[in-house]
């Protein structure tokens, strides 16, 4: 239908979008900082990772339920709009557009240029050009279409997850369990105190930063096939896969370097490869990080603009590519009423009425209470030449042209 997105994403696509958008450079860098902030206590550090993983899973369960209830493009924007009204949702969307999402993409571009500088010397201007080129490449991939961008996301995610798991397997095979039994390894040896709890809280911030990004897939709920079945499964399975990958990576780092070696490292993945295979092999980690950063940036481009698409339909702030209905504020009065009624019928699953605007003088659309019927008031007497109009409540949002909602 005009103004709607094609539902082309399956369960596998959703899972890999969750994993690929979340894994950037964090898991290659953060474990050392988490262990240091945990007082170099391996037991406390692993407990912090488990707590962060549980929080991520709880969030995924919550967003999975919301996505199944409201399977439309826009994600958090749609949830905030339905819960708190249009103004908070508008502010959220514009904040993401002006600062949060764009800032995340810019940060990934800078990180990509910095890591590429480890493989080849780059000057200050060249680094900036490389960052801009990476953003341009991501944009070109997504302009070609959702299916093409999802395929790139799937393959790039497979590469970086395979690199992380291969490193963990090599660390356990070559390092064995010696890293866990070294004399300087401390497991829950830190005395309980307010300072220790505060330090663990700071370490938890690093873990949550490593998990940041899994919620972006909610923006693509409007492109998921059979979203009531696949969306909740996709976000939960993807987050559960992240938990398994991150905990496995931490175990591999400790097996290769020991707890003290991890705590002393700012680039723990590169140091683990260097310890296992020698300095030349450490450049392989840089390649894996470059693929990981590109995948994360592609995931942001694949999901983020769907929120702006939802804003454009609601507010007429941006035009909808490919035609479709004109912005609501430019529509004729009758078309405006029809589109509002049709959209409310789509948005409220418990509204089961086909409403014809012709001859209806006043119509108020709202969510009915249990057992209540939705009725339209009878038209008042007027001249036959009068143009019928509809007056609707504010909570009826913009809808598909000609009022064809889910119940038509």
Protein backbone atom coordinates (compact mmCIF):
# COMPACT_ATOMS: atom_id res chain seq x y z
CA UNK A 1 0.00 0.00 0.00
CA UNK A 2 1.16 3.58 -0.58
CA UNK A 3 2.90 5.06 2.42
CA UNK A 4 3.67 1.61 3.86
CA UNK A 5 6.96 -0.29 4.00
CA UNK A 6 7.33 -3.73 2.45
CA UNK A 7 7.61 -6.54 4.97
CA UNK A 8 10.73 -8.34 3.76
CA UNK A 9 12.65 -9.11 6.97
CA UNK A 10 12.49 -12.63 8.37
CA UNK A 11 13.48 -14.06 11.74
CA UNK A 12 17.12 -14.58 10.73
CA UNK A 13 17.38 -11.00 9.50
CA UNK A 14 16.01 -9.64 12.79
CA UNK A 15 18.40 -11.74 14.88
CA UNK A 16 21.43 -10.66 12.85
CA UNK A 17 20.35 -7.00 12.89
CA UNK A 18 20.27 -7.16 16.70
CA UNK A 19 23.69 -8.82 16.90
CA UNK A 20 25.31 -6.79 14.13
CA UNK A 21 24.08 -3.39 15.31
CA UNK A 22 25.18 -4.04 18.90
CA UNK A 23 28.66 -5.49 18.37
CA UNK A 24 30.90 -2.59 17.40
CA UNK A 25 34.29 -2.12 18.99
CA UNK A 26 33.15 -2.50 22.62
CA UNK A 27 33.77 -6.21 23.15
CA UNK A 28 37.30 -5.81 21.74
CA UNK A 29 38.15 -3.05 24.25
CA UNK A 30 35.80 -2.95 27.26
CA UNK A 31 36.70 -6.19 29.16
CA UNK A 32 40.01 -4.78 30.39
CA UNK A 33 38.37 -1.62 31.78
CA UNK A 34 35.58 -3.65 33.42
CA UNK A 35 38.12 -5.88 35.19
CA UNK A 36 40.17 -2.88 36.38
CA UNK A 37 37.10 -1.09 37.73
CA UNK A 38 36.08 -4.28 39.51
CA UNK A 39 39.30 -4.18 41.54
CA UNK A 40 41.00 -6.78 39.29
CA UNK A 41 38.67 -9.34 40.87
CA UNK A 42 37.75 -11.84 38.15
CA UNK A 43 34.70 -13.10 40.02
CA UNK A 44 33.28 -9.60 40.46
CA UNK A 45 34.02 -8.69 36.83
CA UNK A 46 32.23 -11.77 35.47
CA UNK A 47 29.31 -11.10 37.83
CA UNK A 48 29.07 -7.56 36.43
CA UNK A 49 28.91 -8.99 32.91
CA UNK A 50 26.15 -11.39 34.00
CA UNK A 51 24.14 -8.55 35.60
CA UNK A 52 24.49 -6.46 32.43
CA UNK A 53 23.40 -9.46 30.35
CA UNK A 54 20.30 -9.98 32.50
CA UNK A 55 19.35 -6.30 32.15
CA UNK A 56 19.75 -6.54 28.38
CA UNK A 57 17.56 -9.66 28.25
CA UNK A 58 14.86 -8.00 30.36
CA UNK A 59 14.90 -5.03 28.02
CA UNK A 60 14.67 -7.34 25.01
CA UNK A 61 11.65 -9.14 26.50
CA UNK A 62 9.93 -5.80 27.12
CA UNK A 63 10.62 -4.39 23.67
CA UNK A 64 9.73 -7.70 22.06
CA UNK A 65 6.25 -7.53 23.61
CA UNK A 66 5.84 -3.90 22.55
CA UNK A 67 6.97 -4.70 19.03
CA UNK A 68 4.46 -7.53 18.75
CA UNK A 69 1.66 -5.29 20.04
CA UNK A 70 2.57 -2.34 17.80
CA UNK A 71 4.29 -3.87 14.73
CA UNK A 72 4.80 -0.60 12.90
CA UNK A 73 7.86 1.32 11.73
CA UNK A 74 9.23 3.73 14.31
CA UNK A 75 10.11 1.65 17.35
CA UNK A 76 10.55 3.79 20.46
CA UNK A 77 8.85 6.74 18.76
CA UNK A 78 5.65 4.70 18.31
CA UNK A 79 5.76 3.36 21.89
CA UNK A 80 6.24 6.81 23.40
CA UNK A 81 3.51 8.26 21.18
CA UNK A 82 1.00 5.64 22.29
CA UNK A 83 1.96 5.88 25.98
CA UNK A 84 2.59 9.59 26.52
CA UNK A 85 1.24 11.42 23.48
CA UNK A 86 2.55 13.00 20.29
CA UNK A 87 4.71 15.79 21.77
CA UNK A 88 7.11 13.57 23.81
CA UNK A 89 7.36 11.23 20.81
CA UNK A 90 8.15 14.15 18.50
CA UNK A 91 10.88 15.39 20.86
CA UNK A 92 12.36 11.89 21.12
CA UNK A 93 12.44 11.51 17.35
CA UNK A 94 14.09 14.86 16.73
CA UNK A 95 16.64 14.27 19.51
CA UNK A 96 17.62 10.99 17.87
CA UNK A 97 17.72 12.66 14.46
CA UNK A 98 19.79 15.69 15.50
CA UNK A 99 22.16 14.18 18.07
CA UNK A 100 21.90 10.57 19.22
CA UNK A 101 21.69 8.46 16.06
CA UNK A 102 23.74 10.84 13.94
CA UNK A 103 26.31 11.16 16.71
CA UNK A 104 26.59 7.38 16.98
CA UNK A 105 27.22 7.09 13.25
CA UNK A 106 29.84 9.86 13.39
CA UNK A 107 31.57 8.12 16.31
CA UNK A 108 31.73 4.87 14.38
CA UNK A 109 33.15 6.70 11.35
CA UNK A 110 35.92 8.25 13.47
CA UNK A 111 36.70 4.88 15.05
CA UNK A 112 36.83 3.25 11.61
CA UNK A 113 39.38 5.81 10.41
CA UNK A 114 41.47 5.44 13.57
CA UNK A 115 41.65 1.65 13.27
CA UNK A 116 42.40 1.85 9.57
CA UNK A 117 45.31 4.10 10.54
CA UNK A 118 46.85 1.12 12.34
CA UNK A 119 47.13 -0.74 9.03
CA UNK A 120 48.28 2.19 6.88
CA UNK A 121 49.56 5.67 7.83
CA UNK A 122 46.83 8.31 7.53
CA UNK A 123 47.14 12.04 7.96
CA UNK A 124 44.52 14.18 9.77
CA UNK A 125 42.72 15.18 6.58
CA UNK A 126 42.84 11.64 5.19
CA UNK A 127 41.31 10.28 8.39
CA UNK A 128 38.35 12.63 8.00
CA UNK A 129 37.91 11.67 4.37
CA UNK A 130 37.99 7.98 5.30
CA UNK A 131 35.24 8.55 7.88
CA UNK A 132 33.11 10.41 5.35
CA UNK A 133 33.72 7.68 2.77
CA UNK A 134 32.58 4.99 5.22
CA UNK A 135 29.32 6.87 5.87
CA UNK A 136 28.86 7.28 2.12
CA UNK A 137 29.39 3.56 1.55
CA UNK A 138 26.83 2.69 4.22
CA UNK A 139 24.35 5.12 2.68
CA UNK A 140 24.87 3.64 -0.79
CA UNK A 141 24.25 0.12 0.52
CA UNK A 142 20.97 1.15 2.14
CA UNK A 143 19.78 3.25 -0.80
CA UNK A 144 19.85 0.11 -2.93
CA UNK A 145 17.10 -1.34 -0.76
CA UNK A 146 16.23 -3.03 2.51
CA UNK A 147 16.87 -6.54 1.21
CA UNK A 148 20.33 -5.61 -0.05
CA UNK A 149 21.23 -3.82 3.19
CA UNK A 150 19.99 -6.77 5.26
CA UNK A 151 22.12 -9.16 3.22
CA UNK A 152 25.24 -7.02 3.81
CA UNK A 153 24.32 -6.91 7.50
CA UNK A 154 23.96 -10.68 7.69
CA UNK A 155 27.34 -11.41 6.10
CA UNK A 156 29.28 -8.74 8.01
CA UNK A 157 27.74 -9.93 11.28
CA UNK A 158 28.70 -13.52 10.49
CA UNK A 159 32.30 -12.44 9.86
CA UNK A 160 32.75 -10.57 13.12
CA UNK A 161 30.93 -13.14 15.26
CA UNK A 162 33.02 -15.86 13.67
CA UNK A 163 36.20 -13.90 14.48
CA UNK A 164 35.20 -13.49 18.14
CA UNK A 165 34.28 -17.15 18.57
CA UNK A 166 37.42 -18.33 16.74
CA UNK A 167 39.59 -16.21 19.05
CA UNK A 168 37.82 -17.59 22.12
CA UNK A 169 38.19 -21.17 20.87
CA UNK A 170 41.89 -20.67 20.10
CA UNK A 171 42.47 -19.12 23.53
CA UNK A 172 40.83 -22.05 25.30
CA UNK A 173 42.62 -24.60 23.11
CA UNK A 174 46.11 -23.07 23.40
CA UNK A 175 45.88 -21.36 26.76
CA UNK A 176 43.71 -23.93 28.47
CA UNK A 177 42.58 -23.19 31.99
CA UNK A 178 45.97 -21.86 33.12
CA UNK A 179 44.75 -18.29 32.92
CA UNK A 180 42.13 -19.00 35.57
CA UNK A 181 44.57 -20.64 38.01
CA UNK A 182 47.45 -18.18 38.07
CA UNK A 183 48.71 -17.03 41.43
CA UNK A 184 47.55 -13.44 40.89
CA UNK A 185 43.99 -14.41 39.92
CA UNK A 186 41.45 -13.20 42.47
CA UNK A 187 37.92 -14.58 42.56
CA UNK A 188 35.46 -12.82 44.87
CA UNK A 189 38.34 -11.78 47.11
CA UNK A 190 37.23 -8.14 47.29
CA UNK A 191 35.72 -7.33 50.71
CA UNK A 192 32.15 -6.08 50.56
CA UNK A 193 31.90 -2.33 51.04
CA UNK A 194 30.12 0.70 49.62
CA UNK A 195 33.25 1.62 47.66
CA UNK A 196 33.40 -1.85 46.08
CA UNK A 197 29.72 -1.63 45.15
CA UNK A 198 30.25 1.80 43.63
CA UNK A 199 33.21 0.51 41.60
CA UNK A 200 31.12 -2.40 40.33
CA UNK A 201 28.42 0.09 39.29
CA UNK A 202 30.98 2.04 37.26
CA UNK A 203 32.12 -1.21 35.65
CA UNK A 204 28.49 -1.98 34.80
CA UNK A 205 28.34 1.21 32.72
CA UNK A 206 31.02 -0.22 30.43
CA UNK A 207 29.07 -3.47 30.07
CA UNK A 208 25.86 -1.62 29.23
CA UNK A 209 27.75 0.44 26.66
CA UNK A 210 28.93 -2.79 25.02
CA UNK A 211 25.29 -3.94 24.87
CA UNK A 212 23.97 -0.61 23.55
CA UNK A 213 22.21 -0.93 20.22
CA UNK A 214 20.00 -4.03 20.47
CA UNK A 215 16.87 -1.85 20.75
CA UNK A 216 17.41 -0.30 17.31
CA UNK A 217 15.76 -3.27 15.60
CA UNK A 218 12.39 -2.07 16.95
CA UNK A 219 12.46 0.64 14.28
CA UNK A 220 12.22 -2.08 11.64
CA UNK A 221 9.14 -3.79 13.06
CA UNK A 222 7.15 -2.36 10.16
CA UNK A 223 9.27 -4.39 7.73
CA UNK A 224 9.15 -7.71 9.59
CA UNK A 225 7.17 -10.55 8.08
CA UNK A 226 4.49 -11.91 10.43
CA UNK A 227 5.70 -9.53 13.17
CA UNK A 228 3.45 -10.93 15.93
CA UNK A 229 5.39 -14.18 15.66
CA UNK A 230 8.84 -13.23 14.42
CA UNK A 231 9.63 -9.88 16.01
CA UNK A 232 9.59 -10.88 19.68
CA UNK A 233 11.54 -14.04 18.86
CA UNK A 234 14.06 -12.11 16.81
CA UNK A 235 14.92 -9.50 19.44
CA UNK A 236 15.05 -12.04 22.30
CA UNK A 237 17.10 -14.59 20.36
CA UNK A 238 19.45 -11.87 19.13
CA UNK A 239 20.03 -10.52 22.64
CA UNK A 240 20.50 -14.03 24.03
CA UNK A 241 23.10 -14.65 21.31
CA UNK A 242 24.87 -11.45 22.35
CA UNK A 243 25.01 -12.65 25.95
CA UNK A 244 26.56 -15.96 24.88
CA UNK A 245 29.08 -14.23 22.58
CA UNK A 246 30.17 -11.68 25.17
CA UNK A 247 30.58 -14.16 28.02
CA UNK A 248 32.48 -16.57 25.73
CA UNK A 249 34.78 -13.76 24.60
CA UNK A 250 35.57 -12.80 28.21
CA UNK A 251 36.40 -16.39 29.09
CA UNK A 252 38.69 -16.60 26.05
CA UNK A 253 40.51 -13.37 26.97
CA UNK A 254 41.21 -14.63 30.48
CA UNK A 255 42.39 -18.00 29.14
CA UNK A 256 44.88 -16.25 26.84
CA UNK A 257 46.16 -13.46 29.10
CA UNK A 258 45.13 -14.29 32.64
CA UNK A 259 43.14 -11.90 34.82
CA UNK A 260 46.09 -9.58 35.39
CA UNK A 261 46.87 -9.44 31.68
CA UNK A 262 43.27 -8.54 30.82
CA UNK A 263 43.18 -5.85 33.51
CA UNK A 264 46.40 -4.29 32.17
CA UNK A 265 45.18 -4.17 28.56
CA UNK A 266 43.25 -1.42 26.77
CA UNK A 267 42.99 -3.52 23.57
CA UNK A 268 42.42 -6.92 25.02
CA UNK A 269 41.53 -8.74 21.77
CA UNK A 270 44.69 -7.59 19.98
CA UNK A 271 46.84 -8.46 23.01
CA UNK A 272 45.25 -11.92 23.23
CA UNK A 273 46.04 -12.66 19.56
CA UNK A 274 49.56 -11.27 20.01
CA UNK A 275 50.14 -13.58 22.99
CA UNK A 276 48.84 -16.62 21.12
CA UNK A 277 50.19 -16.12 17.58
CA UNK A 278 52.78 -13.33 17.68
CA UNK A 279 52.70 -9.60 16.81
CA UNK A 280 51.97 -9.90 13.04
CA UNK A 281 48.72 -11.74 13.74
CA UNK A 282 47.43 -8.86 15.86
CA UNK A 283 46.57 -6.99 12.66
CA UNK A 284 43.89 -9.60 12.01
CA UNK A 285 42.02 -8.21 15.02
CA UNK A 286 42.15 -4.75 13.43
CA UNK A 287 40.53 -6.15 10.30
CA UNK A 288 37.82 -7.82 12.40
CA UNK A 289 37.18 -4.53 14.22
CA UNK A 290 36.89 -2.66 10.92
CA UNK A 291 34.27 -5.15 9.69
CA UNK A 292 32.52 -4.91 13.05
CA UNK A 293 32.37 -1.10 12.94
CA UNK A 294 31.08 -1.10 9.36
CA UNK A 295 28.41 -3.64 10.32
CA UNK A 296 27.29 -1.55 13.28
CA UNK A 297 27.06 1.59 11.12
CA UNK A 298 25.09 -0.33 8.49
CA UNK A 299 22.72 -1.56 11.19
CA UNK A 300 22.10 2.00 12.35
CA UNK A 301 21.36 3.10 8.79
CA UNK A 302 19.10 0.10 8.28
CA UNK A 303 16.98 0.81 11.38
CA UNK A 304 17.20 4.49 12.35
CA UNK A 305 15.51 6.15 9.33
CA UNK A 306 12.36 4.08 9.95
CA UNK A 307 11.68 6.30 12.94
CA UNK A 308 11.87 9.40 10.74
CA UNK A 309 9.54 7.67 8.29
CA UNK A 310 6.98 7.25 11.09
CA UNK A 311 7.41 10.90 12.07
CA UNK A 312 6.85 11.97 8.48
CA UNK A 313 3.56 10.08 8.32
CA UNK A 314 2.37 11.58 11.59
CA UNK A 315 3.51 15.16 11.22
CA UNK A 316 4.14 15.75 7.54
CA UNK A 317 7.62 16.96 8.50
CA UNK A 318 9.28 15.01 5.69
CA UNK A 319 7.90 13.75 2.43
CA UNK A 320 7.33 10.02 2.00
CA UNK A 321 9.58 8.66 -0.80
CA UNK A 322 7.80 6.99 -3.66
CA UNK A 323 4.61 8.98 -3.48
CA UNK A 324 1.73 8.00 -1.25
CA UNK A 325 -0.52 10.30 0.68
CA UNK A 326 0.33 13.99 0.93
CA UNK A 327 1.09 15.38 4.40
CA UNK A 328 -2.00 15.54 6.56
CA UNK A 329 -1.86 19.31 6.91
CA UNK A 330 -2.08 19.70 3.09
CA UNK A 331 -5.04 17.33 2.64
CA UNK A 332 -8.59 18.42 1.92
CA UNK A 333 -10.87 18.45 5.00
CA UNK A 334 -12.73 15.32 3.94
CA UNK A 335 -9.54 13.42 3.01
CA UNK A 336 -7.99 14.51 6.28
CA UNK A 337 -10.90 13.01 8.23
CA UNK A 338 -10.86 9.79 6.24
CA UNK A 339 -7.15 9.30 6.78
CA UNK A 340 -7.42 9.95 10.52
CA UNK A 341 -10.26 7.44 10.91
CA UNK A 342 -8.48 4.78 8.84
CA UNK A 343 -5.27 5.21 10.82
CA UNK A 344 -7.02 4.93 14.15
CA UNK A 345 -8.69 1.73 12.96
CA UNK A 346 -5.28 0.30 12.04
CA UNK A 347 -3.64 1.44 15.25
CA UNK A 348 -6.26 0.13 17.68
CA UNK A 349 -6.58 -3.60 17.27
CA UNK A 350 -9.84 -3.71 19.26
CA UNK A 351 -11.71 -1.31 16.93
CA UNK A 352 -13.85 -3.51 14.70
CA UNK A 353 -16.06 -1.14 12.73
CA UNK A 354 -16.14 -0.01 9.12
CA UNK A 355 -17.04 3.67 9.21
CA UNK A 356 -18.27 5.60 6.17
CA UNK A 357 -17.81 9.33 6.50
CA UNK A 358 -20.58 10.20 4.06
CA UNK A 359 -23.53 11.45 6.06
CA UNK A 360 -21.70 11.33 9.42
CA UNK A 361 -21.77 14.68 11.15
CA UNK A 362 -19.60 13.90 14.16
CA UNK A 363 -17.31 10.99 14.91
CA UNK A 364 -15.08 10.49 17.94
CA UNK A 365 -12.49 7.70 17.63
CA UNK A 366 -11.02 6.29 20.82
CA UNK A 367 -10.11 2.93 22.29
CA UNK A 368 -13.34 1.33 23.53
CA UNK A 369 -13.65 -0.07 27.02
CA UNK A 370 -14.23 -3.77 27.52
CA UNK A 371 -17.71 -4.72 26.35
CA UNK A 372 -18.40 -1.28 24.88
CA UNK A 373 -19.46 -0.68 21.31
CA UNK A 374 -18.16 2.18 19.19
CA UNK A 375 -21.00 4.12 17.61
CA UNK A 376 -21.13 7.11 15.33
CA UNK A 377 -23.66 9.82 16.02
CA UNK A 378 -26.45 10.16 13.50
CA UNK A 379 -26.08 13.06 11.07
CA UNK A 380 -27.89 16.26 11.92
CA UNK A 381 -30.43 17.62 9.49
CA UNK A 382 -28.85 19.88 6.90
CA UNK A 383 -29.15 20.88 3.30
CA UNK A 384 -28.38 18.19 0.74
CA UNK A 385 -25.64 20.31 -0.81
CA UNK A 386 -23.64 20.61 2.40
CA UNK A 387 -20.23 18.95 2.37
CA UNK A 388 -19.98 16.38 5.17
CA UNK A 389 -17.04 16.80 7.50
CA UNK A 390 -15.70 14.79 10.40
CA UNK A 391 -14.51 16.07 13.72
CA UNK A 392 -12.17 13.71 15.51
CA UNK A 393 -10.43 13.53 18.82
CA UNK A 394 -6.76 14.50 19.00
CA UNK A 395 -5.54 10.99 19.60
CA UNK A 396 -6.60 9.85 16.12
CA UNK A 397 -3.38 9.80 14.14
CA UNK A 398 -2.70 10.13 10.39
CA UNK A 399 -3.76 7.24 8.27
CA UNK A 400 -3.76 5.67 4.90
CA UNK A 401 -5.58 7.62 2.13
CA UNK A 402 -9.32 7.03 1.75
CA UNK A 403 -9.61 5.64 5.24
CA UNK A 404 -8.91 2.03 4.41
CA UNK A 405 -7.73 0.65 7.72
CA UNK A 406 -7.27 -2.87 8.96
CA UNK A 407 -10.99 -3.43 9.25
CA UNK A 408 -11.84 -2.57 5.60
